[in-house]
Amino acid sequence: MTTNGRLQNYINGEWRTSSASEYLKVVNPATIETITQVPLGGKDDVDAAVEAAAAAFPGWRRTPPEERIQYLFKLKQSMEERFEEIGRLITMENGKTLTEAKAEVRRAIENVEVASGITTLMQGYNLEDVAHGIDEMMIRQPLGVVAAICPFNFPVMVPFWFLPYAIACGNTFILKPSERVPVSMHRLLELIDETGLPKGVINLVNGGKDAVDALLDHPLVRAISFVGSTPTARYVYGRGSSSGKRVQAQGGAKNNVVILPDADMEMTAQIINDSAFGCAGQRCLAVSTAITVGEAGHTFTEAITDLARSINVNYGLEEGAQMGPVITGESKSRIEGLISKGADGGATLLLDGRSPTISKYESGNFVRPTILDNVLPGSEISNTEIFGPVLSVTHAQTVEDALRLIDQSPYGNAASIFTTSGAAARKFRYEASAGNIGINIGVAAPMAYFPFSGWKDSFFGVVHSQGRDGIEFYTEKKVVIERWPREWSRKF
């Protein structure tokens, strides 16, 4: 998949050198060593991939679903056999710990497993005698060429929110991985190639904004899936929709967790600690703001500060590492700048993770866990997606006050509550304005057979990814109404 230390595109079943004139270094965020170089391709590379996918579509669409999923079974087996290897590649290019990386691979495999049930999931329905002698049915058919534009924080899991469902439904697929972390998905494409999947069914194009725009504008690309920041999600949704495409665009987040006084504080603090600082806070379901209610304020802040202080921050392949670096030096600077802004704006800095020194990895993009207490609702820091290991703590008097704070947030990816009260939990589930709700759960990440259900500025579109929503997104409904008069049948 490389030539002279440079990654290639995977088009029509073969590795091809990009037409790009510019290449970007792929850097290990812990060691700052260059892993490889990735081409910043554009329209020419996208056109070649779309041409291959469009040529492959008629034959793939006519392949029976039972045959299509045989390739997914083979892929699942390959991923299981190379589980550790894929995890290590994720850690090297993304920075998360090996444990976190392997958990990501497991979630990717879950999506392959769910999509393998396409023979049931893609079924339509019918009704006889909607009128005298007339029958009606609804069937699902694939769209054609579809594409996914994926982020850096989950190099393998997020592409698998889309890829297995798209091809199981009979579409052909183009992946544009993040140019920051392309290596692990290139390895997955090698495994896909080994399954014998027909040429052109899955293609991979490397690139930046030019490649994205080419996919959004290409008339043969029927649907676009995207995960990234809210400004970019809004851009992708607007440009893709204006060119007649079906678009699902997952945006940013500022997830809230509410802690009631009756919560099991030891368990609560441990779960929120894992949620806020796992993957260095670089996940769209990480807890960003903890809202304590009443007496929970003092006990929670003490417990979470002690836990966060003890986290072992290190290179993710080192034994005992619990949190790795953030993705780039620019991200580190941005996060540390926001910490300063929060402290200057009146928040209390309970734990300061800026400018740490990590033995053997002094040049790495590390930020230690940080906790800002007494963050004012409505302040800049309270509404900014930091996307780093920073937890803001806000205090409220009642559950109703906490729910109002959640409702005021422009984001709606996830919200959680910690309590032993069933009534409080039901009220929260019923009223919280977010698409993924956790009850005594820190990361409300849906399993592969449920949709990833973001709301408000966290999602642009109608149908989400994963499970039945994935089938809905990657198929068109066709309604057939039939009449066969008796006198016609007598002629034969």
Protein backbone atom coordinates (compact mmCIF):
# COMPACT_ATOMS: atom_id res chain seq x y z
CA MET A 1 0.00 0.00 0.00
CA THR A 2 3.07 2.26 -0.06
CA THR A 3 5.65 3.29 -2.64
CA ASN A 4 8.85 4.99 -1.53
CA GLY A 5 7.38 5.59 1.93
CA ARG A 6 4.22 7.16 0.52
CA LEU A 7 0.71 5.78 0.84
CA GLN A 8 -1.24 4.95 -2.28
CA ASN A 9 -4.92 4.99 -3.19
CA TYR A 10 -6.90 1.77 -3.54
CA ILE A 11 -8.96 1.97 -6.72
CA ASN A 12 -10.62 -0.81 -8.71
CA GLY A 13 -8.95 -3.53 -6.69
CA GLU A 14 -5.38 -2.27 -6.95
CA TRP A 15 -3.00 0.14 -5.24
CA ARG A 16 -2.36 3.23 -7.37
CA THR A 17 -0.04 6.17 -6.97
CA SER A 18 -1.95 9.40 -6.40
CA SER A 19 -1.87 12.25 -8.88
CA ALA A 20 -1.24 14.61 -5.94
CA SER A 21 1.74 16.94 -6.00
CA GLU A 22 1.62 17.55 -2.24
CA TYR A 23 2.15 15.02 0.56
CA LEU A 24 1.55 15.30 4.30
CA LYS A 25 3.61 13.58 6.98
CA VAL A 26 1.72 11.10 9.15
CA VAL A 27 3.25 11.59 12.60
CA ASN A 28 3.12 9.44 15.72
CA PRO A 29 1.71 11.99 18.24
CA ALA A 30 3.64 10.49 21.17
CA THR A 31 7.08 10.11 19.62
CA ILE A 32 6.73 12.77 16.87
CA GLU A 33 8.32 10.30 14.47
CA THR A 34 7.13 10.25 10.86
CA ILE A 35 5.33 7.00 10.09
CA THR A 36 4.71 7.59 6.39
CA GLN A 37 3.48 10.27 3.99
CA VAL A 38 -0.06 10.60 2.67
CA PRO A 39 -0.99 12.23 -0.65
CA LEU A 40 -3.31 15.23 -0.57
CA GLY A 41 -5.19 14.12 -3.64
CA GLY A 42 -8.09 15.91 -5.26
CA LYS A 43 -10.50 15.74 -8.16
CA ASP A 44 -8.48 13.45 -10.45
CA ASP A 45 -8.13 10.76 -7.79
CA VAL A 46 -11.79 11.05 -6.81
CA ASP A 47 -12.90 10.84 -10.44
CA ALA A 48 -10.92 7.62 -10.89
CA ALA A 49 -12.45 6.09 -7.76
CA VAL A 50 -15.99 7.09 -8.72
CA GLU A 51 -15.50 5.69 -12.22
CA ALA A 52 -14.39 2.35 -10.77
CA ALA A 53 -17.24 2.28 -8.25
CA ALA A 54 -19.83 3.18 -10.88
CA ALA A 55 -18.58 0.44 -13.21
CA ALA A 56 -18.73 -2.12 -10.41
CA PHE A 57 -22.22 -1.18 -9.23
CA PRO A 58 -24.44 -3.00 -11.77
CA GLY A 59 -22.79 -6.37 -11.12
CA TRP A 60 -22.59 -5.88 -7.36
CA ARG A 61 -26.19 -4.74 -7.13
CA ARG A 62 -27.28 -7.96 -8.89
CA THR A 63 -25.20 -10.12 -6.54
CA PRO A 64 -27.63 -11.85 -4.14
CA PRO A 65 -27.44 -10.45 -0.60
CA GLU A 66 -26.53 -13.89 0.75
CA GLU A 67 -23.46 -13.87 -1.50
CA ARG A 68 -22.56 -10.26 -0.65
CA ILE A 69 -22.31 -10.99 3.06
CA GLN A 70 -19.90 -13.89 2.53
CA TYR A 71 -17.20 -11.26 2.00
CA LEU A 72 -18.13 -9.70 5.34
CA PHE A 73 -17.79 -13.06 7.07
CA LYS A 74 -14.28 -13.38 5.60
CA LEU A 75 -13.42 -9.84 6.65
CA LYS A 76 -14.60 -10.42 10.22
CA GLN A 77 -12.36 -13.48 10.46
CA SER A 78 -9.36 -11.54 9.14
CA MET A 79 -9.98 -8.71 11.60
CA GLU A 80 -10.17 -11.17 14.48
CA GLU A 81 -6.90 -12.80 13.43
CA ARG A 82 -5.13 -9.43 13.13
CA PHE A 83 -6.85 -7.81 16.09
CA GLU A 84 -3.66 -6.89 17.96
CA GLU A 85 -1.89 -5.66 14.83
CA ILE A 86 -4.71 -3.29 13.87
CA GLY A 87 -4.88 -1.99 17.42
CA ARG A 88 -1.16 -1.21 17.45
CA LEU A 89 -1.44 0.69 14.17
CA ILE A 90 -4.25 2.81 15.65
CA THR A 91 -2.14 3.60 18.72
CA MET A 92 0.87 4.53 16.62
CA GLU A 93 -0.95 6.98 14.36
CA ASN A 94 -3.69 8.25 16.71
CA GLY A 95 -2.06 8.14 20.16
CA LYS A 96 -4.76 6.37 22.18
CA THR A 97 -3.69 3.52 24.44
CA LEU A 98 -3.52 -0.01 23.07
CA THR A 99 -6.47 -1.02 25.27
CA GLU A 100 -8.56 1.81 23.83
CA ALA A 101 -7.43 0.99 20.30
CA LYS A 102 -8.41 -2.67 20.64
CA ALA A 103 -11.81 -1.63 22.00
CA GLU A 104 -12.22 0.46 18.84
CA VAL A 105 -11.42 -2.54 16.64
CA ARG A 106 -14.02 -4.57 18.56
CA ARG A 107 -16.70 -1.96 17.83
CA ALA A 108 -15.76 -2.02 14.16
CA ILE A 109 -16.14 -5.80 14.08
CA GLU A 110 -19.57 -5.47 15.72
CA ASN A 111 -20.74 -3.41 12.75
CA VAL A 112 -19.51 -6.08 10.35
CA GLU A 113 -21.49 -8.64 12.34
CA VAL A 114 -24.68 -6.58 12.28
CA ALA A 115 -24.41 -5.80 8.57
CA SER A 116 -24.03 -9.53 7.92
CA GLY A 117 -27.74 -9.82 8.79
CA ILE A 118 -28.65 -7.88 5.66
CA THR A 119 -30.84 -10.69 4.30
CA THR A 120 -33.29 -9.87 7.09
CA LEU A 121 -32.54 -6.17 7.64
CA MET A 122 -33.08 -5.20 4.00
CA GLN A 123 -36.44 -6.92 3.61
CA GLY A 124 -39.49 -4.90 2.60
CA TYR A 125 -43.16 -5.70 3.20
CA ASN A 126 -46.32 -6.39 1.24
CA LEU A 127 -50.11 -6.50 1.47
CA GLU A 128 -52.51 -8.42 -0.74
CA ASP A 129 -55.82 -6.99 -1.93
CA VAL A 130 -55.26 -3.33 -1.19
CA ALA A 131 -58.14 -3.14 -3.65
CA HIS A 132 -59.96 -5.97 -5.45
CA GLY A 133 -57.31 -8.10 -7.15
CA ILE A 134 -54.56 -5.56 -6.51
CA ASP A 135 -51.48 -6.27 -4.37
CA GLU A 136 -48.92 -3.79 -3.09
CA MET A 137 -45.34 -4.20 -1.88
CA MET A 138 -42.39 -2.10 -0.76
CA ILE A 139 -38.90 -3.23 -1.72
CA ARG A 140 -35.49 -1.75 -0.94
CA GLN A 141 -32.86 -1.12 -3.59
CA PRO A 142 -29.28 0.23 -3.29
CA LEU A 143 -28.48 3.81 -4.20
CA GLY A 144 -25.32 3.32 -6.28
CA VAL A 145 -21.98 4.95 -5.49
CA VAL A 146 -21.74 6.22 -1.89
CA ALA A 147 -18.86 7.77 0.06
CA ALA A 148 -17.70 8.34 3.64
CA ILE A 149 -15.45 11.14 4.91
CA CYS A 150 -13.99 10.07 8.25
CA PRO A 151 -12.27 11.75 11.25
CA PHE A 152 -8.98 11.21 13.06
CA ASN A 153 -10.27 10.19 16.49
CA PHE A 154 -11.55 6.73 15.51
CA PRO A 155 -9.58 5.73 12.39
CA VAL A 156 -11.19 2.27 12.14
CA MET A 157 -14.48 2.30 14.05
CA VAL A 158 -16.08 5.27 12.29
CA PRO A 159 -15.44 3.98 8.73
CA PHE A 160 -17.14 0.77 9.85
CA TRP A 161 -20.26 2.71 10.85
CA PHE A 162 -20.74 2.98 7.10
CA LEU A 163 -18.69 0.56 4.99
CA PRO A 164 -20.29 -2.82 5.87
CA TYR A 165 -23.87 -1.54 5.64
CA ALA A 166 -23.26 0.25 2.36
CA ILE A 167 -21.83 -2.75 0.54
CA ALA A 168 -24.17 -5.29 2.15
CA CYS A 169 -27.08 -3.25 0.76
CA GLY A 170 -25.56 -3.52 -2.72
CA ASN A 171 -23.89 -0.12 -3.05
CA THR A 172 -20.31 0.51 -4.07
CA PHE A 173 -18.23 2.53 -1.65
CA ILE A 174 -15.50 5.19 -1.54
CA LEU A 175 -13.65 5.93 1.70
CA LYS A 176 -11.77 9.16 2.35
CA PRO A 177 -9.92 8.55 5.65
CA SER A 178 -8.54 11.39 7.72
CA GLU A 179 -5.20 12.46 6.29
CA ARG A 180 -3.90 12.52 9.86
CA VAL A 181 -4.51 8.81 10.53
CA PRO A 182 -4.76 6.90 7.23
CA VAL A 183 -2.49 3.94 8.01
CA SER A 184 -4.83 1.59 9.89
CA MET A 185 -7.58 1.80 7.25
CA HIS A 186 -5.02 1.18 4.52
CA ARG A 187 -4.17 -2.04 6.35
CA LEU A 188 -7.88 -2.88 6.51
CA LEU A 189 -8.12 -2.38 2.75
CA GLU A 190 -5.37 -4.96 2.33
CA LEU A 191 -7.49 -7.38 4.36
CA ILE A 192 -10.56 -6.51 2.30
CA ASP A 193 -8.58 -7.17 -0.87
CA GLU A 194 -7.69 -10.64 0.47
CA THR A 195 -11.40 -11.54 0.73
CA GLY A 196 -11.69 -11.55 -3.07
CA LEU A 197 -14.31 -8.79 -3.08
CA PRO A 198 -15.02 -7.78 -6.71
CA LYS A 199 -12.94 -4.91 -8.03
CA GLY A 200 -14.38 -1.45 -7.58
CA VAL A 201 -16.85 -2.34 -4.83
CA ILE A 202 -14.66 -0.62 -2.20
CA ASN A 203 -12.20 2.14 -3.03
CA LEU A 204 -9.98 4.40 -0.90
CA VAL A 205 -8.87 7.91 -1.82
CA ASN A 206 -6.43 9.96 0.23
CA GLY A 207 -6.76 13.72 0.39
CA GLY A 208 -7.87 16.85 2.16
CA LYS A 209 -10.49 19.48 1.36
CA ASP A 210 -10.07 19.18 -2.41
CA ALA A 211 -10.93 15.48 -2.24
CA VAL A 212 -13.90 16.21 0.02
CA ASP A 213 -15.25 18.85 -2.36
CA ALA A 214 -14.81 16.53 -5.32
CA LEU A 215 -16.89 13.85 -3.58
CA LEU A 216 -19.55 16.38 -2.58
CA ASP A 217 -19.83 17.69 -6.13
CA HIS A 218 -19.52 14.52 -8.20
CA PRO A 219 -22.86 13.78 -9.93
CA LEU A 220 -22.46 9.98 -9.62
CA VAL A 221 -21.98 10.00 -5.84
CA ARG A 222 -25.46 9.44 -4.44
CA ALA A 223 -24.83 9.69 -0.69
CA ILE A 224 -22.23 11.11 1.71
CA SER A 225 -21.54 10.08 5.30
CA PHE A 226 -19.40 12.37 7.44
CA VAL A 227 -18.07 12.64 11.00
CA GLY A 228 -16.13 15.68 12.23
CA SER A 229 -16.51 19.14 13.72
CA THR A 230 -19.83 21.00 13.60
CA PRO A 231 -18.64 23.76 11.21
CA THR A 232 -17.36 21.15 8.76
CA ALA A 233 -20.46 18.98 9.20
CA ARG A 234 -22.65 21.97 8.36
CA TYR A 235 -20.50 22.66 5.29
CA VAL A 236 -20.62 19.04 4.11
CA TYR A 237 -24.37 18.83 4.64
CA GLY A 238 -25.03 22.10 2.81
CA ARG A 239 -22.78 21.47 -0.17
CA GLY A 240 -23.72 17.80 -0.52
CA SER A 241 -27.45 18.44 -0.22
CA SER A 242 -27.34 21.29 -2.70
CA SER A 243 -25.94 18.89 -5.29
CA GLY A 244 -28.81 16.47 -4.70
CA LYS A 245 -27.09 13.98 -2.42
CA ARG A 246 -28.39 12.15 0.60
CA VAL A 247 -26.18 13.33 3.50
CA GLN A 248 -25.66 12.30 7.13
CA ALA A 249 -23.18 14.60 8.86
CA GLN A 250 -22.20 13.99 12.48
CA GLY A 251 -20.85 17.16 14.10
CA GLY A 252 -19.22 18.15 17.37
CA ALA A 253 -20.35 17.79 20.95
CA LYS A 254 -20.29 19.25 24.44
CA ASN A 255 -21.67 16.37 26.45
CA ASN A 256 -23.15 16.94 29.90
CA VAL A 257 -23.37 14.56 32.82
CA VAL A 258 -25.59 15.28 35.82
CA ILE A 259 -24.60 13.98 39.28
CA LEU A 260 -27.31 13.81 41.94
CA PRO A 261 -26.53 13.66 45.69
CA ASP A 262 -27.92 10.11 45.93
CA ALA A 263 -25.47 8.74 43.34
CA ASP A 264 -22.91 6.12 44.31
CA MET A 265 -20.10 8.69 44.32
CA GLU A 266 -17.17 6.26 44.13
CA MET A 267 -18.60 4.51 41.08
CA THR A 268 -19.77 7.79 39.55
CA ALA A 269 -16.39 9.47 39.83
CA GLN A 270 -14.59 6.46 38.34
CA ILE A 271 -16.93 6.21 35.37
CA ILE A 272 -16.83 9.94 34.63
CA ASN A 273 -13.04 9.94 35.01
CA ASP A 274 -12.81 7.23 32.34
CA SER A 275 -15.28 9.08 30.11
CA ALA A 276 -13.74 12.56 30.35
CA PHE A 277 -10.12 11.51 29.96
CA GLY A 278 -10.28 8.29 27.96
CA CYS A 279 -8.78 8.68 24.46
CA ALA A 280 -7.40 12.01 25.79
CA GLY A 281 -10.93 13.41 25.57
CA GLN A 282 -10.87 13.12 21.79
CA ARG A 283 -14.17 11.35 21.28
CA CYS A 284 -17.55 12.79 20.45
CA LEU A 285 -19.19 11.01 23.41
CA ALA A 286 -16.67 12.08 26.06
CA VAL A 287 -18.07 13.85 29.11
CA SER A 288 -17.17 17.53 28.72
CA THR A 289 -19.22 19.13 31.50
CA ALA A 290 -20.18 17.67 34.86
CA ILE A 291 -23.24 19.34 36.43
CA THR A 292 -23.43 18.58 40.13
CA VAL A 293 -26.78 19.01 41.88
CA GLY A 294 -26.96 20.26 45.45
CA GLU A 295 -24.71 18.46 47.91
CA ALA A 296 -23.02 16.41 45.18
CA GLY A 297 -20.80 19.38 44.33
CA HIS A 298 -18.20 18.96 47.06
CA THR A 299 -17.94 15.15 47.18
CA PHE A 300 -17.78 14.76 43.42
CA THR A 301 -15.09 17.37 42.76
CA GLU A 302 -12.87 15.88 45.46
CA ALA A 303 -13.28 12.34 44.13
CA ILE A 304 -12.81 13.20 40.43
CA THR A 305 -9.73 15.35 41.12
CA ASP A 306 -8.01 12.56 43.03
CA LEU A 307 -8.72 10.05 40.27
CA ALA A 308 -7.68 12.33 37.42
CA ARG A 309 -4.43 13.22 39.15
CA SER A 310 -3.46 9.55 39.33
CA ILE A 311 -3.93 8.77 35.62
CA ASN A 312 -0.76 7.39 34.01
CA VAL A 313 -0.18 9.55 30.93
CA ASN A 314 2.25 7.94 28.50
CA TYR A 315 2.78 6.56 25.03
CA GLY A 316 -0.10 4.17 24.40
CA LEU A 317 2.19 1.19 23.71
CA GLU A 318 3.97 1.56 27.05
CA GLU A 319 2.96 -0.89 29.78
CA GLY A 320 0.43 0.65 32.16
CA ALA A 321 -0.41 3.68 30.01
CA GLN A 322 -3.93 4.95 30.77
CA MET A 323 -4.04 8.03 28.55
CA GLY A 324 -2.04 9.03 25.51
CA PRO A 325 -1.32 12.33 23.71
CA VAL A 326 -3.63 14.51 21.66
CA ILE A 327 -3.37 14.23 17.90
CA THR A 328 -1.13 17.19 16.92
CA GLY A 329 0.98 19.97 18.33
CA GLU A 330 -1.63 22.42 17.07
CA SER A 331 -4.32 20.59 19.04
CA LYS A 332 -2.15 20.69 22.17
CA SER A 333 -1.67 24.46 21.81
CA ARG A 334 -5.38 25.05 21.18
CA ILE A 335 -6.42 22.96 24.21
CA GLU A 336 -3.92 24.66 26.52
CA GLY A 337 -5.10 28.05 25.25
CA LEU A 338 -8.70 27.16 26.12
CA ILE A 339 -7.64 26.04 29.60
CA SER A 340 -6.01 29.42 30.11
CA LYS A 341 -9.09 31.18 28.81
CA GLY A 342 -11.30 29.25 31.22
CA ALA A 343 -9.08 30.07 34.20
CA ASP A 344 -8.85 33.74 33.18
CA GLY A 345 -12.63 33.82 32.82
CA GLY A 346 -13.26 32.98 36.45
CA ALA A 347 -13.17 29.17 36.59
CA THR A 348 -11.17 27.51 39.36
CA LEU A 349 -8.31 25.36 38.07
CA LEU A 350 -8.51 22.28 40.30
CA LEU A 351 -6.07 20.31 38.15
CA ASP A 352 -3.78 21.86 35.55
CA GLY A 353 -2.56 19.54 32.79
CA ARG A 354 -0.67 22.07 30.70
CA SER A 355 2.96 21.62 29.65
CA PRO A 356 3.63 18.21 31.16
CA THR A 357 6.91 16.35 30.91
CA ILE A 358 6.55 12.70 29.89
CA SER A 359 9.73 10.69 30.34
CA LYS A 360 11.20 9.48 27.00
CA TYR A 361 8.48 11.37 25.11
CA GLU A 362 9.22 14.97 26.02
CA SER A 363 8.41 16.18 22.51
CA GLY A 364 5.03 14.42 22.35
CA ASN A 365 1.67 16.16 22.13
CA PHE A 366 0.72 15.47 25.73
CA VAL A 367 -1.78 17.32 27.90
CA ARG A 368 -2.52 15.86 31.32
CA PRO A 369 -6.08 15.63 32.70
CA THR A 370 -7.41 19.07 33.58
CA ILE A 371 -10.41 20.06 35.73
CA LEU A 372 -12.01 23.51 35.69
CA ASP A 373 -14.48 24.08 38.53
CA ASN A 374 -17.22 26.72 38.80
CA VAL A 375 -17.46 27.18 35.04
CA LEU A 376 -20.19 29.73 34.41
CA PRO A 377 -23.08 28.59 32.19
CA GLY A 378 -23.09 30.57 28.96
CA SER A 379 -19.39 31.41 29.14
CA GLU A 380 -17.23 30.81 26.10
CA ILE A 381 -15.54 27.80 27.66
CA SER A 382 -18.91 26.24 28.55
CA ASN A 383 -20.04 26.19 24.92
CA THR A 384 -16.72 25.41 23.20
CA GLU A 385 -15.91 21.86 22.15
CA ILE A 386 -12.41 21.51 23.62
CA PHE A 387 -11.83 17.97 22.30
CA GLY A 388 -9.12 17.26 24.81
CA PRO A 389 -8.67 15.93 28.38
CA VAL A 390 -10.48 18.82 30.05
CA LEU A 391 -13.50 18.46 32.35
CA SER A 392 -15.59 21.51 33.21
CA VAL A 393 -17.64 21.40 36.43
CA THR A 394 -20.80 23.46 36.88
CA HIS A 395 -23.12 23.48 39.88
CA ALA A 396 -26.93 23.50 39.95
CA GLN A 397 -29.52 23.38 42.71
CA THR A 398 -32.08 21.03 41.14
CA VAL A 399 -32.51 18.47 38.36
CA GLU A 400 -34.70 21.02 36.59
CA ASP A 401 -31.86 23.54 36.64
CA ALA A 402 -29.48 20.92 35.22
CA LEU A 403 -31.92 20.05 32.44
CA ARG A 404 -32.23 23.73 31.52
CA LEU A 405 -28.45 23.97 31.20
CA ILE A 406 -28.42 20.96 28.88
CA ASP A 407 -31.25 22.43 26.84
CA GLN A 408 -29.32 25.69 26.38
CA SER A 409 -26.35 23.91 24.81
CA PRO A 410 -26.15 24.16 21.02
CA TYR A 411 -24.99 20.54 20.95
CA GLY A 412 -27.03 17.40 21.50
CA ASN A 413 -24.84 14.37 21.07
CA ALA A 414 -25.09 12.80 24.52
CA ALA A 415 -26.13 13.44 28.11
CA SER A 416 -25.97 11.21 31.18
CA ILE A 417 -27.25 11.17 34.74
CA PHE A 418 -25.92 9.40 37.83
CA THR A 419 -28.51 8.60 40.46
CA THR A 420 -30.16 5.77 42.40
CA SER A 421 -33.60 7.33 41.86
CA GLY A 422 -35.69 5.70 39.16
CA ALA A 423 -38.02 8.71 39.06
CA ALA A 424 -35.13 11.13 38.49
CA ALA A 425 -33.64 8.85 35.84
CA ARG A 426 -36.95 8.60 33.98
CA LYS A 427 -37.44 12.38 34.10
CA PHE A 428 -33.96 12.85 32.69
CA ARG A 429 -34.44 10.27 29.96
CA TYR A 430 -37.76 11.89 29.03
CA GLU A 431 -36.65 15.53 29.01
CA ALA A 432 -32.90 15.72 28.26
CA SER A 433 -32.33 17.28 24.83
CA ALA A 434 -29.70 14.91 23.47
CA GLY A 435 -29.84 11.95 21.15
CA ASN A 436 -27.81 9.46 23.21
CA ILE A 437 -28.80 9.19 26.87
CA GLY A 438 -26.86 7.44 29.63
CA ILE A 439 -28.29 6.33 32.96
CA ASN A 440 -25.32 5.63 35.26
CA ILE A 441 -23.31 5.32 32.02
CA GLY A 442 -20.44 7.69 31.24
CA VAL A 443 -20.11 7.08 27.50
CA ALA A 444 -23.56 6.46 26.04
CA ALA A 445 -22.20 4.77 22.92
CA PRO A 446 -24.90 2.80 21.10
CA MET A 447 -24.21 -0.78 20.14
CA ALA A 448 -23.94 -1.44 16.40
CA TYR A 449 -27.58 -2.52 16.12
CA PHE A 450 -28.81 0.87 17.44
CA PRO A 451 -28.38 4.24 15.68
CA PHE A 452 -25.76 6.77 16.73
CA SER A 453 -28.40 9.39 17.47
CA GLY A 454 -27.00 12.93 17.73
CA TRP A 455 -29.32 15.96 17.94
CA LYS A 456 -29.16 19.73 17.38
CA ASP A 457 -25.80 21.01 16.08
CA SER A 458 -24.29 17.57 16.66
CA PHE A 459 -26.03 16.13 13.60
CA PHE A 460 -27.19 17.31 10.19
CA GLY A 461 -29.53 15.03 8.31
CA VAL A 462 -32.48 12.77 8.99
CA VAL A 463 -31.20 9.20 9.19
CA HIS A 464 -28.25 8.27 11.41
CA SER A 465 -25.54 5.61 11.09
CA GLN A 466 -25.49 1.99 12.27
CA GLY A 467 -28.17 -0.68 12.51
CA ARG A 468 -31.52 -0.14 10.84
CA ASP A 469 -30.74 3.52 10.24
CA GLY A 470 -27.77 2.39 8.16
CA ILE A 471 -30.04 0.25 6.02
CA GLU A 472 -32.51 3.11 5.70
CA PHE A 473 -29.77 5.50 4.60
CA TYR A 474 -28.18 3.21 2.02
CA THR A 475 -31.36 2.05 0.29
CA GLU A 476 -34.21 3.60 -1.65
CA LYS A 477 -37.77 2.44 -1.16
CA LYS A 478 -39.69 1.36 -4.23
CA VAL A 479 -43.43 0.70 -4.02
CA VAL A 480 -44.87 -1.79 -6.52
CA ILE A 481 -48.64 -2.06 -7.13
CA GLU A 482 -49.75 -5.08 -9.18
CA ARG A 483 -52.94 -6.22 -10.87
CA TRP A 484 -53.30 -9.44 -12.84
CA PRO A 485 -56.86 -9.67 -14.25
CA ARG A 486 -58.20 -13.18 -14.59
CA GLU A 487 -59.05 -12.79 -18.29
CA TRP A 488 -55.36 -12.18 -19.04
CA SER A 489 -54.31 -15.40 -17.38
CA ARG A 490 -56.85 -17.41 -19.40
CA LYS A 491 -54.93 -16.58 -22.60
CA PHE A 492 -52.00 -18.76 -21.52
